[in-house]
Amino acid sequence: KQWYQRRVAITAGAPRGFENIYQRKPHIPYQEKDDGCFMMYKRDKFKLIKNASLGLYKDTEGLLDKPNCAQIALFECQDGSQLCVANTHLLYNPRRGDIKLT
């Protein structure tokens, strides 16, 4: 229910001319968090050509044993040029010893 309520709040920008792309971090059974990656763009300025969202979690893999996510989107601008945008939501813990580059 909380996930649905947040999704409704996120899409509230649509009447104002905004569109959004959202990727929730992969679900872990004992955690009910809605954090993740989010992009919002004006649909009269940009046209979404293609997008991909990735949930990165594998409990048996040391570097991926905590949820992470990423997005990449390709937009067409009003002048016909293209713009590629990417973002990530990665765990950072200096005690883990792994380094993530974005």
PDB file of N, CA and C in Angstrom:
ATOM      1  N   LYS A   1       0.820  -1.183   0.000  1.00  0.00           N
ATOM      2  CA  LYS A   1       0.000   0.000   0.000  1.00  0.00           C
ATOM      3  C   LYS A   1       0.876   1.263   0.000  1.00  0.00           C
ATOM      4  N   GLN A   2       1.911   1.279   0.830  1.00  0.00           N
ATOM      5  CA  GLN A   2       2.812   2.438   0.888  1.00  0.00           C
ATOM      6  C   GLN A   2       3.467   2.662  -0.480  1.00  0.00           C
ATOM      7  N   TRP A   3       3.855   1.594  -1.142  1.00  0.00           N
ATOM      8  CA  TRP A   3       4.468   1.695  -2.473  1.00  0.00           C
ATOM      9  C   TRP A   3       3.483   2.355  -3.438  1.00  0.00           C
ATOM     10  N   TYR A   4       2.231   1.943  -3.419  1.00  0.00           N
ATOM     11  CA  TYR A   4       1.223   2.503  -4.309  1.00  0.00           C
ATOM     12  C   TYR A   4       1.000   3.990  -4.012  1.00  0.00           C
ATOM     13  N   GLN A   5       0.930   4.363  -2.740  1.00  0.00           N
ATOM     14  CA  GLN A   5       0.731   5.762  -2.369  1.00  0.00           C
ATOM     15  C   GLN A   5       1.885   6.628  -2.859  1.00  0.00           C
ATOM     16  N   ARG A   6       3.099   6.150  -2.743  1.00  0.00           N
ATOM     17  CA  ARG A   6       4.250   6.914  -3.234  1.00  0.00           C
ATOM     18  C   ARG A   6       4.221   7.030  -4.752  1.00  0.00           C
ATOM     19  N   ARG A   7       3.806   5.977  -5.423  1.00  0.00           N
ATOM     20  CA  ARG A   7       3.733   6.000  -6.890  1.00  0.00           C
ATOM     21  C   ARG A   7       2.713   7.044  -7.349  1.00  0.00           C
ATOM     22  N   VAL A   8       1.597   7.130  -6.669  1.00  0.00           N
ATOM     23  CA  VAL A   8       0.592   8.138  -6.999  1.00  0.00           C
ATOM     24  C   VAL A   8       1.165   9.535  -6.786  1.00  0.00           C
ATOM     25  N   ALA A   9       1.892   9.744  -5.692  1.00  0.00           N
ATOM     26  CA  ALA A   9       2.505  11.047  -5.421  1.00  0.00           C
ATOM     27  C   ALA A   9       3.530  11.401  -6.495  1.00  0.00           C
ATOM     28  N   ILE A  10       4.282  10.438  -6.951  1.00  0.00           N
ATOM     29  CA  ILE A  10       5.292  10.672  -7.983  1.00  0.00           C
ATOM     30  C   ILE A  10       4.637  11.098  -9.291  1.00  0.00           C
ATOM     31  N   THR A  11       3.519  10.473  -9.645  1.00  0.00           N
ATOM     32  CA  THR A  11       2.870  10.785 -10.920  1.00  0.00           C
ATOM     33  C   THR A  11       2.013  12.045 -10.852  1.00  0.00           C
ATOM     34  N   ALA A  12       1.956  12.683  -9.717  1.00  0.00           N
ATOM     35  CA  ALA A  12       1.155  13.900  -9.577  1.00  0.00           C
ATOM     36  C   ALA A  12       1.662  15.029 -10.462  1.00  0.00           C
ATOM     37  N   GLY A  13       2.891  14.982 -10.913  1.00  0.00           N
ATOM     38  CA  GLY A  13       3.434  16.012 -11.796  1.00  0.00           C
ATOM     39  C   GLY A  13       2.909  15.930 -13.219  1.00  0.00           C
ATOM     40  N   ALA A  14       2.259  14.830 -13.597  1.00  0.00           N
ATOM     41  CA  ALA A  14       1.785  14.654 -14.977  1.00  0.00           C
ATOM     42  C   ALA A  14       0.860  15.779 -15.444  1.00  0.00           C
ATOM     43  N   PRO A  15      -0.078  16.253 -14.632  1.00  0.00           N
ATOM     44  CA  PRO A  15      -0.926  17.351 -15.105  1.00  0.00           C
ATOM     45  C   PRO A  15      -0.160  18.652 -15.359  1.00  0.00           C
ATOM     46  N   ARG A  16       0.988  18.790 -14.824  1.00  0.00           N
ATOM     47  CA  ARG A  16       1.818  19.981 -15.008  1.00  0.00           C
ATOM     48  C   ARG A  16       2.760  19.833 -16.202  1.00  0.00           C
ATOM     49  N   GLY A  17       2.578  18.802 -16.983  1.00  0.00           N
ATOM     50  CA  GLY A  17       3.396  18.607 -18.171  1.00  0.00           C
ATOM     51  C   GLY A  17       4.640  17.773 -17.951  1.00  0.00           C
ATOM     52  N   PHE A  18       4.744  17.109 -16.816  1.00  0.00           N
ATOM     53  CA  PHE A  18       5.897  16.275 -16.529  1.00  0.00           C
ATOM     54  C   PHE A  18       5.562  14.804 -16.730  1.00  0.00           C
ATOM     55  N   GLU A  19       6.554  14.060 -17.143  1.00  0.00           N
ATOM     56  CA  GLU A  19       6.501  12.606 -17.171  1.00  0.00           C
ATOM     57  C   GLU A  19       7.623  12.112 -16.271  1.00  0.00           C
ATOM     58  N   ASN A  20       7.540  10.867 -15.855  1.00  0.00           N
ATOM     59  CA  ASN A  20       8.598  10.343 -14.992  1.00  0.00           C
ATOM     60  C   ASN A  20       8.931   8.905 -15.336  1.00  0.00           C
ATOM     61  N   ILE A  21      10.120   8.535 -14.911  1.00  0.00           N
ATOM     62  CA  ILE A  21      10.610   7.163 -15.021  1.00  0.00           C
ATOM     63  C   ILE A  21      11.107   6.807 -13.623  1.00  0.00           C
ATOM     64  N   TYR A  22      10.631   5.718 -13.077  1.00  0.00           N
ATOM     65  CA  TYR A  22      10.984   5.329 -11.714  1.00  0.00           C
ATOM     66  C   TYR A  22      11.420   3.877 -11.692  1.00  0.00           C
ATOM     67  N   GLN A  23      12.486   3.601 -10.965  1.00  0.00           N
ATOM     68  CA  GLN A  23      12.960   2.231 -10.759  1.00  0.00           C
ATOM     69  C   GLN A  23      13.160   2.031  -9.266  1.00  0.00           C
ATOM     70  N   ARG A  24      12.340   1.203  -8.683  1.00  0.00           N
ATOM     71  CA  ARG A  24      12.490   0.871  -7.268  1.00  0.00           C
ATOM     72  C   ARG A  24      13.680  -0.064  -7.106  1.00  0.00           C
ATOM     73  N   LYS A  25      14.419   0.111  -6.015  1.00  0.00           N
ATOM     74  CA  LYS A  25      15.496  -0.831  -5.736  1.00  0.00           C
ATOM     75  C   LYS A  25      14.904  -2.225  -5.565  1.00  0.00           C
ATOM     76  N   PRO A  26      15.663  -3.259  -5.912  1.00  0.00           N
ATOM     77  CA  PRO A  26      15.130  -4.627  -5.791  1.00  0.00           C
ATOM     78  C   PRO A  26      14.606  -4.908  -4.388  1.00  0.00           C
ATOM     79  N   HIS A  27      13.559  -5.659  -4.342  1.00  0.00           N
ATOM     80  CA  HIS A  27      12.905  -5.981  -3.077  1.00  0.00           C
ATOM     81  C   HIS A  27      13.707  -7.027  -2.307  1.00  0.00           C
ATOM     82  N   ILE A  28      13.906  -6.740  -1.046  1.00  0.00           N
ATOM     83  CA  ILE A  28      14.485  -7.724  -0.128  1.00  0.00           C
ATOM     84  C   ILE A  28      13.374  -8.075   0.857  1.00  0.00           C
ATOM     85  N   PRO A  29      13.122  -9.339   1.089  1.00  0.00           N
ATOM     86  CA  PRO A  29      11.956  -9.739   1.891  1.00  0.00           C
ATOM     87  C   PRO A  29      11.794  -9.016   3.225  1.00  0.00           C
ATOM     88  N   TYR A  30      12.862  -8.718   3.921  1.00  0.00           N
ATOM     89  CA  TYR A  30      12.739  -8.105   5.240  1.00  0.00           C
ATOM     90  C   TYR A  30      12.744  -6.580   5.202  1.00  0.00           C
ATOM     91  N   GLN A  31      12.815  -5.984   4.045  1.00  0.00           N
ATOM     92  CA  GLN A  31      12.816  -4.530   3.932  1.00  0.00           C
ATOM     93  C   GLN A  31      11.661  -4.068   3.056  1.00  0.00           C
ATOM     94  N   GLU A  32      10.939  -3.068   3.498  1.00  0.00           N
ATOM     95  CA  GLU A  32       9.858  -2.484   2.707  1.00  0.00           C
ATOM     96  C   GLU A  32      10.200  -1.022   2.437  1.00  0.00           C
ATOM     97  N   LYS A  33      11.180  -0.798   1.597  1.00  0.00           N
ATOM     98  CA  LYS A  33      11.612   0.552   1.273  1.00  0.00           C
ATOM     99  C   LYS A  33      11.219   0.869  -0.165  1.00  0.00           C
ATOM    100  N   ASP A  34      10.932   2.127  -0.414  1.00  0.00           N
ATOM    101  CA  ASP A  34      10.537   2.558  -1.751  1.00  0.00           C
ATOM    102  C   ASP A  34      11.626   3.351  -2.449  1.00  0.00           C
ATOM    103  N   ASP A  35      12.808   3.401  -1.885  1.00  0.00           N
ATOM    104  CA  ASP A  35      13.854   4.210  -2.519  1.00  0.00           C
ATOM    105  C   ASP A  35      14.330   3.557  -3.809  1.00  0.00           C
ATOM    106  N   GLY A  36      14.879   4.378  -4.667  1.00  0.00           N
ATOM    107  CA  GLY A  36      15.329   3.893  -5.955  1.00  0.00           C
ATOM    108  C   GLY A  36      15.775   5.054  -6.820  1.00  0.00           C
ATOM    109  N   CYS A  37      15.688   4.894  -8.138  1.00  0.00           N
ATOM    110  CA  CYS A  37      16.073   5.922  -9.111  1.00  0.00           C
ATOM    111  C   CYS A  37      14.823   6.572  -9.692  1.00  0.00           C
ATOM    112  N   PHE A  38      14.926   7.848  -9.962  1.00  0.00           N
ATOM    113  CA  PHE A  38      13.782   8.602 -10.456  1.00  0.00           C
ATOM    114  C   PHE A  38      14.252   9.686 -11.414  1.00  0.00           C
ATOM    115  N   MET A  39      13.601   9.791 -12.558  1.00  0.00           N
ATOM    116  CA  MET A  39      13.839  10.879 -13.512  1.00  0.00           C
ATOM    117  C   MET A  39      12.503  11.535 -13.806  1.00  0.00           C
ATOM    118  N   MET A  40      12.501  12.847 -13.910  1.00  0.00           N
ATOM    119  CA  MET A  40      11.309  13.582 -14.297  1.00  0.00           C
ATOM    120  C   MET A  40      11.709  14.538 -15.406  1.00  0.00           C
ATOM    121  N   TYR A  41      10.882  14.644 -16.433  1.00  0.00           N
ATOM    122  CA  TYR A  41      11.205  15.513 -17.561  1.00  0.00           C
ATOM    123  C   TYR A  41       9.931  16.149 -18.103  1.00  0.00           C
ATOM    124  N   LYS A  42      10.081  17.315 -18.729  1.00  0.00           N
ATOM    125  CA  LYS A  42       8.955  18.024 -19.339  1.00  0.00           C
ATOM    126  C   LYS A  42       8.676  17.406 -20.705  1.00  0.00           C
ATOM    127  N   ARG A  43       7.468  16.931 -20.908  1.00  0.00           N
ATOM    128  CA  ARG A  43       7.153  16.249 -22.159  1.00  0.00           C
ATOM    129  C   ARG A  43       7.048  17.211 -23.342  1.00  0.00           C
ATOM    130  N   ASP A  44       6.892  18.530 -23.099  1.00  0.00           N
ATOM    131  CA  ASP A  44       6.865  19.460 -24.226  1.00  0.00           C
ATOM    132  C   ASP A  44       8.270  19.875 -24.658  1.00  0.00           C
ATOM    133  N   LYS A  45       9.282  19.509 -23.876  1.00  0.00           N
ATOM    134  CA  LYS A  45      10.667  19.842 -24.215  1.00  0.00           C
ATOM    135  C   LYS A  45      11.480  18.628 -24.654  1.00  0.00           C
ATOM    136  N   PHE A  46      11.100  17.454 -24.158  1.00  0.00           N
ATOM    137  CA  PHE A  46      11.843  16.225 -24.449  1.00  0.00           C
ATOM    138  C   PHE A  46      10.888  15.099 -24.803  1.00  0.00           C
ATOM    139  N   LYS A  47      11.314  14.278 -25.752  1.00  0.00           N
ATOM    140  CA  LYS A  47      10.557  13.088 -26.119  1.00  0.00           C
ATOM    141  C   LYS A  47      11.399  11.880 -25.725  1.00  0.00           C
ATOM    142  N   LEU A  48      10.832  11.014 -24.918  1.00  0.00           N
ATOM    143  CA  LEU A  48      11.535   9.797 -24.515  1.00  0.00           C
ATOM    144  C   LEU A  48      11.593   8.838 -25.694  1.00  0.00           C
ATOM    145  N   ILE A  49      12.803   8.494 -26.090  1.00  0.00           N
ATOM    146  CA  ILE A  49      12.999   7.555 -27.194  1.00  0.00           C
ATOM    147  C   ILE A  49      13.108   6.129 -26.666  1.00  0.00           C
ATOM    148  N   LYS A  50      13.910   5.969 -25.635  1.00  0.00           N
ATOM    149  CA  LYS A  50      14.168   4.629 -25.103  1.00  0.00           C
ATOM    150  C   LYS A  50      14.658   4.760 -23.673  1.00  0.00           C
ATOM    151  N   ASN A  51      14.308   3.807 -22.839  1.00  0.00           N
ATOM    152  CA  ASN A  51      14.859   3.792 -21.485  1.00  0.00           C
ATOM    153  C   ASN A  51      15.009   2.360 -20.993  1.00  0.00           C
ATOM    154  N   ALA A  52      15.895   2.199 -20.046  1.00  0.00           N
ATOM    155  CA  ALA A  52      16.116   0.897 -19.407  1.00  0.00           C
ATOM    156  C   ALA A  52      16.358   1.129 -17.928  1.00  0.00           C
ATOM    157  N   SER A  53      15.787   0.282 -17.112  1.00  0.00           N
ATOM    158  CA  SER A  53      15.982   0.340 -15.675  1.00  0.00           C
ATOM    159  C   SER A  53      16.486  -1.024 -15.212  1.00  0.00           C
ATOM    160  N   LEU A  54      17.421  -1.003 -14.294  1.00  0.00           N
ATOM    161  CA  LEU A  54      18.031  -2.242 -13.815  1.00  0.00           C
ATOM    162  C   LEU A  54      17.953  -2.328 -12.297  1.00  0.00           C
ATOM    163  N   GLY A  55      17.503  -3.447 -11.818  1.00  0.00           N
ATOM    164  CA  GLY A  55      17.590  -3.748 -10.405  1.00  0.00           C
ATOM    165  C   GLY A  55      18.775  -4.677 -10.205  1.00  0.00           C
ATOM    166  N   LEU A  56      19.705  -4.288  -9.365  1.00  0.00           N
ATOM    167  CA  LEU A  56      20.944  -5.051  -9.190  1.00  0.00           C
ATOM    168  C   LEU A  56      20.987  -5.630  -7.777  1.00  0.00           C
ATOM    169  N   TYR A  57      20.629  -6.883  -7.658  1.00  0.00           N
ATOM    170  CA  TYR A  57      20.660  -7.551  -6.360  1.00  0.00           C
ATOM    171  C   TYR A  57      20.769  -9.050  -6.579  1.00  0.00           C
ATOM    172  N   LYS A  58      21.733  -9.647  -5.909  1.00  0.00           N
ATOM    173  CA  LYS A  58      21.899 -11.099  -5.947  1.00  0.00           C
ATOM    174  C   LYS A  58      22.481 -11.489  -4.599  1.00  0.00           C
ATOM    175  N   ASP A  59      21.677 -12.104  -3.759  1.00  0.00           N
ATOM    176  CA  ASP A  59      22.107 -12.363  -2.382  1.00  0.00           C
ATOM    177  C   ASP A  59      23.277 -13.325  -2.265  1.00  0.00           C
ATOM    178  N   THR A  60      23.595 -14.042  -3.321  1.00  0.00           N
ATOM    179  CA  THR A  60      24.724 -14.972  -3.274  1.00  0.00           C
ATOM    180  C   THR A  60      26.020 -14.353  -3.798  1.00  0.00           C
ATOM    181  N   GLU A  61      25.941 -13.130  -4.290  1.00  0.00           N
ATOM    182  CA  GLU A  61      27.111 -12.457  -4.868  1.00  0.00           C
ATOM    183  C   GLU A  61      27.565 -11.366  -3.917  1.00  0.00           C
ATOM    184  N   GLY A  62      28.802 -11.435  -3.454  1.00  0.00           N
ATOM    185  CA  GLY A  62      29.317 -10.496  -2.461  1.00  0.00           C
ATOM    186  C   GLY A  62      29.152  -9.026  -2.805  1.00  0.00           C
ATOM    187  N   LEU A  63      29.429  -8.647  -4.047  1.00  0.00           N
ATOM    188  CA  LEU A  63      29.346  -7.233  -4.415  1.00  0.00           C
ATOM    189  C   LEU A  63      27.913  -6.779  -4.677  1.00  0.00           C
ATOM    190  N   LEU A  64      27.012  -7.705  -4.880  1.00  0.00           N
ATOM    191  CA  LEU A  64      25.619  -7.339  -5.165  1.00  0.00           C
ATOM    192  C   LEU A  64      24.652  -7.829  -4.089  1.00  0.00           C
ATOM    193  N   ASP A  65      25.157  -8.101  -2.885  1.00  0.00           N
ATOM    194  CA  ASP A  65      24.294  -8.656  -1.852  1.00  0.00           C
ATOM    195  C   ASP A  65      23.442  -7.614  -1.139  1.00  0.00           C
ATOM    196  N   LYS A  66      23.488  -6.386  -1.574  1.00  0.00           N
ATOM    197  CA  LYS A  66      22.601  -5.311  -1.118  1.00  0.00           C
ATOM    198  C   LYS A  66      21.944  -4.715  -2.358  1.00  0.00           C
ATOM    199  N   PRO A  67      20.711  -4.227  -2.237  1.00  0.00           N
ATOM    200  CA  PRO A  67      20.015  -3.740  -3.433  1.00  0.00           C
ATOM    201  C   PRO A  67      20.614  -2.442  -3.976  1.00  0.00           C
ATOM    202  N   ASN A  68      20.782  -2.409  -5.278  1.00  0.00           N
ATOM    203  CA  ASN A  68      21.234  -1.227  -6.018  1.00  0.00           C
ATOM    204  C   ASN A  68      20.360  -1.140  -7.265  1.00  0.00           C
ATOM    205  N   CYS A  69      20.293   0.022  -7.879  1.00  0.00           N
ATOM    206  CA  CYS A  69      19.540   0.135  -9.127  1.00  0.00           C
ATOM    207  C   CYS A  69      20.140   1.223 -10.008  1.00  0.00           C
ATOM    208  N   ALA A  70      19.775   1.181 -11.274  1.00  0.00           N
ATOM    209  CA  ALA A  70      20.292   2.140 -12.257  1.00  0.00           C
ATOM    210  C   ALA A  70      19.231   2.394 -13.323  1.00  0.00           C
ATOM    211  N   GLN A  71      19.339   3.555 -13.958  1.00  0.00           N
ATOM    212  CA  GLN A  71      18.468   3.924 -15.075  1.00  0.00           C
ATOM    213  C   GLN A  71      19.304   4.565 -16.157  1.00  0.00           C
ATOM    214  N   ILE A  72      18.853   4.409 -17.373  1.00  0.00           N
ATOM    215  CA  ILE A  72      19.437   5.131 -18.503  1.00  0.00           C
ATOM    216  C   ILE A  72      18.285   5.463 -19.450  1.00  0.00           C
ATOM    217  N   ALA A  73      18.307   6.687 -19.964  1.00  0.00           N
ATOM    218  CA  ALA A  73      17.230   7.126 -20.848  1.00  0.00           C
ATOM    219  C   ALA A  73      17.810   7.945 -21.994  1.00  0.00           C
ATOM    220  N   LEU A  74      17.226   7.774 -23.161  1.00  0.00           N
ATOM    221  CA  LEU A  74      17.609   8.538 -24.339  1.00  0.00           C
ATOM    222  C   LEU A  74      16.424   9.421 -24.717  1.00  0.00           C
ATOM    223  N   PHE A  75      16.684  10.733 -24.805  1.00  0.00           N
ATOM    224  CA  PHE A  75      15.653  11.711 -25.124  1.00  0.00           C
ATOM    225  C   PHE A  75      15.974  12.400 -26.440  1.00  0.00           C
ATOM    226  N   GLU A  76      14.927  12.834 -27.130  1.00  0.00           N
ATOM    227  CA  GLU A  76      15.089  13.711 -28.280  1.00  0.00           C
ATOM    228  C   GLU A  76      14.675  15.112 -27.836  1.00  0.00           C
ATOM    229  N   CYS A  77      15.547  16.085 -28.067  1.00  0.00           N
ATOM    230  CA  CYS A  77      15.284  17.473 -27.693  1.00  0.00           C
ATOM    231  C   CYS A  77      14.468  18.161 -28.786  1.00  0.00           C
ATOM    232  N   GLN A  78      13.959  19.335 -28.489  1.00  0.00           N
ATOM    233  CA  GLN A  78      13.146  20.088 -29.447  1.00  0.00           C
ATOM    234  C   GLN A  78      13.896  20.383 -30.739  1.00  0.00           C
ATOM    235  N   ASP A  79      15.211  20.582 -30.655  1.00  0.00           N
ATOM    236  CA  ASP A  79      15.991  20.912 -31.853  1.00  0.00           C
ATOM    237  C   ASP A  79      16.418  19.671 -32.640  1.00  0.00           C
ATOM    238  N   GLY A  80      15.976  18.489 -32.226  1.00  0.00           N
ATOM    239  CA  GLY A  80      16.304  17.252 -32.930  1.00  0.00           C
ATOM    240  C   GLY A  80      17.533  16.538 -32.397  1.00  0.00           C
ATOM    241  N   SER A  81      18.296  17.185 -31.540  1.00  0.00           N
ATOM    242  CA  SER A  81      19.469  16.530 -30.954  1.00  0.00           C
ATOM    243  C   SER A  81      19.007  15.499 -29.922  1.00  0.00           C
ATOM    244  N   GLN A  82      19.930  14.652 -29.507  1.00  0.00           N
ATOM    245  CA  GLN A  82      19.603  13.623 -28.529  1.00  0.00           C
ATOM    246  C   GLN A  82      20.393  13.841 -27.249  1.00  0.00           C
ATOM    247  N   LEU A  83      19.800  13.451 -26.154  1.00  0.00           N
ATOM    248  CA  LEU A  83      20.402  13.591 -24.835  1.00  0.00           C
ATOM    249  C   LEU A  83      20.266  12.260 -24.105  1.00  0.00           C
ATOM    250  N   CYS A  84      21.377  11.748 -23.621  1.00  0.00           N
ATOM    251  CA  CYS A  84      21.381  10.504 -22.855  1.00  0.00           C
ATOM    252  C   CYS A  84      21.603  10.850 -21.386  1.00  0.00           C
ATOM    253  N   VAL A  85      20.743  10.340 -20.522  1.00  0.00           N
ATOM    254  CA  VAL A  85      20.817  10.616 -19.091  1.00  0.00           C
ATOM    255  C   VAL A  85      20.850   9.281 -18.349  1.00  0.00           C
ATOM    256  N   ALA A  86      21.704   9.193 -17.354  1.00  0.00           N
ATOM    257  CA  ALA A  86      21.782   7.973 -16.543  1.00  0.00           C
ATOM    258  C   ALA A  86      21.917   8.358 -15.079  1.00  0.00           C
ATOM    259  N   ASN A  87      21.401   7.511 -14.211  1.00  0.00           N
ATOM    260  CA  ASN A  87      21.604   7.704 -12.781  1.00  0.00           C
ATOM    261  C   ASN A  87      21.620   6.354 -12.077  1.00  0.00           C
ATOM    262  N   THR A  88      22.131   6.368 -10.871  1.00  0.00           N
ATOM    263  CA  THR A  88      22.229   5.146 -10.079  1.00  0.00           C
ATOM    264  C   THR A  88      21.876   5.437  -8.631  1.00  0.00           C
ATOM    265  N   HIS A  89      21.496   4.397  -7.932  1.00  0.00           N
ATOM    266  CA  HIS A  89      21.303   4.466  -6.485  1.00  0.00           C
ATOM    267  C   HIS A  89      22.075   3.267  -5.936  1.00  0.00           C
ATOM    268  N   LEU A  90      23.282   3.540  -5.455  1.00  0.00           N
ATOM    269  CA  LEU A  90      24.195   2.483  -5.029  1.00  0.00           C
ATOM    270  C   LEU A  90      24.476   2.558  -3.535  1.00  0.00           C
ATOM    271  N   LEU A  91      24.653   1.416  -2.939  1.00  0.00           N
ATOM    272  CA  LEU A  91      25.066   1.355  -1.547  1.00  0.00           C
ATOM    273  C   LEU A  91      26.485   1.866  -1.415  1.00  0.00           C
ATOM    274  N   TYR A  92      26.713   2.710  -0.434  1.00  0.00           N
ATOM    275  CA  TYR A  92      28.082   3.101  -0.110  1.00  0.00           C
ATOM    276  C   TYR A  92      28.301   2.816   1.369  1.00  0.00           C
ATOM    277  N   ASN A  93      29.277   2.004   1.635  1.00  0.00           N
ATOM    278  CA  ASN A  93      29.649   1.704   3.007  1.00  0.00           C
ATOM    279  C   ASN A  93      31.157   1.526   3.014  1.00  0.00           C
ATOM    280  N   PRO A  94      31.908   2.480   3.585  1.00  0.00           N
ATOM    281  CA  PRO A  94      33.368   2.395   3.548  1.00  0.00           C
ATOM    282  C   PRO A  94      33.923   1.161   4.254  1.00  0.00           C
ATOM    283  N   ARG A  95      33.151   0.544   5.141  1.00  0.00           N
ATOM    284  CA  ARG A  95      33.620  -0.653   5.841  1.00  0.00           C
ATOM    285  C   ARG A  95      33.509  -1.919   4.997  1.00  0.00           C
ATOM    286  N   ARG A  96      32.753  -1.858   3.884  1.00  0.00           N
ATOM    287  CA  ARG A  96      32.597  -3.057   3.046  1.00  0.00           C
ATOM    288  C   ARG A  96      33.829  -3.337   2.202  1.00  0.00           C
ATOM    289  N   GLY A  97      34.550  -2.305   1.821  1.00  0.00           N
ATOM    290  CA  GLY A  97      35.769  -2.518   1.055  1.00  0.00           C
ATOM    291  C   GLY A  97      35.574  -2.544  -0.442  1.00  0.00           C
ATOM    292  N   ASP A  98      34.344  -2.552  -0.918  1.00  0.00           N
ATOM    293  CA  ASP A  98      34.125  -2.521  -2.366  1.00  0.00           C
ATOM    294  C   ASP A  98      33.920  -1.071  -2.799  1.00  0.00           C
ATOM    295  N   ILE A  99      34.266  -0.797  -4.035  1.00  0.00           N
ATOM    296  CA  ILE A  99      34.140   0.552  -4.587  1.00  0.00           C
ATOM    297  C   ILE A  99      33.233   0.474  -5.791  1.00  0.00           C
ATOM    298  N   LYS A 100      32.249   1.355  -5.853  1.00  0.00           N
ATOM    299  CA  LYS A 100      31.339   1.392  -6.987  1.00  0.00           C
ATOM    300  C   LYS A 100      31.549   2.685  -7.740  1.00  0.00           C
ATOM    301  N   LEU A 101      31.705   2.586  -9.038  1.00  0.00           N
ATOM    302  CA  LEU A 101      31.881   3.766  -9.878  1.00  0.00           C
ATOM    303  C   LEU A 101      30.610   4.014 -10.669  1.00  0.00           C
ATOM    304  N   THR A 102      30.245   5.283 -10.804  1.00  0.00           N
ATOM    305  CA  THR A 102      29.059   5.619 -11.599  1.00  0.00           C
ATOM    306  C   THR A 102      29.413   6.693 -12.597  1.00  0.00           C
TER     307      THR A 102
END
